[in-house]
Amino acid sequence: MNRKEFVKEVSKHKGFSQTRAYRSLNAVMDTIRVALMNGDEVEIGGFGTFAVVTDLKGERIPVFKAGKALKQNFNTK
């Protein structure tokens, strides 16, 4: 699913206009991006944590670690 498709789904599920869904998504992504650039982690309960790690070359890489609740959605029997 690309960004346009994601925005359309959010719009449909929440009853928002696509413009409102697009702006909301951008606000969330911008907030996460700025926090990571400032060296902060972003933990979204029930979903996961965004963080920045440094690789062996010394490059900073953004990563996402799925939370327990999200993982359980994929591993229920």
Protein backbone atom coordinates (compact mmCIF):
# COMPACT_ATOMS: atom_id res chain seq x y z
CA MET A 1 0.00 0.00 0.00
CA ASN A 2 1.48 3.36 -0.98
CA ARG A 3 0.79 6.72 0.67
CA LYS A 4 -2.10 7.63 -1.65
CA GLU A 5 -3.82 4.30 -0.99
CA PHE A 6 -3.19 4.62 2.74
CA VAL A 7 -4.71 8.11 2.82
CA LYS A 8 -7.75 6.82 0.95
CA GLU A 9 -8.21 4.00 3.49
CA VAL A 10 -7.88 6.35 6.48
CA SER A 11 -10.37 8.69 4.85
CA LYS A 12 -12.84 5.87 4.28
CA HIS A 13 -12.48 4.27 7.74
CA LYS A 14 -12.67 7.52 9.71
CA GLY A 15 -15.12 9.46 7.55
CA PHE A 16 -12.55 12.19 6.89
CA SER A 17 -12.01 13.95 3.61
CA GLN A 18 -8.91 12.72 1.81
CA THR A 19 -7.38 16.16 2.32
CA ARG A 20 -7.85 15.93 6.09
CA ALA A 21 -6.48 12.38 6.15
CA TYR A 22 -3.46 13.45 4.06
CA ARG A 23 -2.70 16.42 6.32
CA SER A 24 -3.11 14.26 9.44
CA LEU A 25 -0.76 11.60 8.08
CA ASN A 26 1.82 14.23 7.14
CA ALA A 27 1.60 15.80 10.61
CA VAL A 28 2.24 12.43 12.26
CA MET A 29 5.12 11.59 9.92
CA ASP A 30 6.71 15.02 10.33
CA THR A 31 6.48 14.78 14.13
CA ILE A 32 8.13 11.35 14.13
CA ARG A 33 10.83 12.54 11.71
CA VAL A 34 11.71 15.61 13.82
CA ALA A 35 11.78 13.58 17.04
CA LEU A 36 14.14 11.04 15.48
CA MET A 37 16.37 13.79 14.09
CA ASN A 38 16.58 15.22 17.63
CA GLY A 39 17.72 11.84 18.96
CA ASP A 40 14.43 10.92 20.60
CA GLU A 41 12.57 7.62 20.37
CA VAL A 42 8.86 7.63 19.55
CA GLU A 43 6.86 4.93 21.29
CA ILE A 44 3.27 4.40 20.19
CA GLY A 45 1.62 2.07 22.68
CA GLY A 46 0.19 -1.09 21.15
CA PHE A 47 1.97 -0.39 17.88
CA GLY A 48 5.73 -0.03 18.27
CA THR A 49 8.76 2.17 18.68
CA PHE A 50 10.64 4.30 16.16
CA ALA A 51 14.30 4.93 16.99
CA VAL A 52 17.65 5.74 15.41
CA VAL A 53 20.60 3.34 15.60
CA THR A 54 24.17 3.76 14.43
CA ASP A 55 25.55 1.10 12.11
CA LEU A 56 29.14 -0.13 11.95
CA LYS A 57 30.02 2.63 9.46
CA GLY A 58 28.80 5.28 11.90
CA GLU A 59 25.72 6.10 9.84
CA ARG A 60 22.49 6.83 11.67
CA ILE A 61 19.60 4.65 10.50
CA PRO A 62 15.93 5.00 11.48
CA VAL A 63 14.39 1.72 12.64
CA PHE A 64 10.99 0.46 13.75
CA LYS A 65 10.42 -2.25 16.33
CA ALA A 66 6.92 -3.67 16.43
CA GLY A 67 5.25 -3.70 19.83
CA LYS A 68 3.91 -6.78 21.56
CA ALA A 69 0.27 -6.09 20.67
CA LEU A 70 1.07 -5.58 16.98
CA LYS A 71 3.13 -8.77 16.88
CA GLN A 72 0.30 -10.73 18.48
CA ASN A 73 -2.00 -9.76 15.61
CA PHE A 74 0.22 -11.79 13.29
CA ASN A 75 0.88 -14.78 15.49
CA THR A 76 -2.52 -15.78 16.84
CA LYS A 77 -3.59 -19.35 16.35
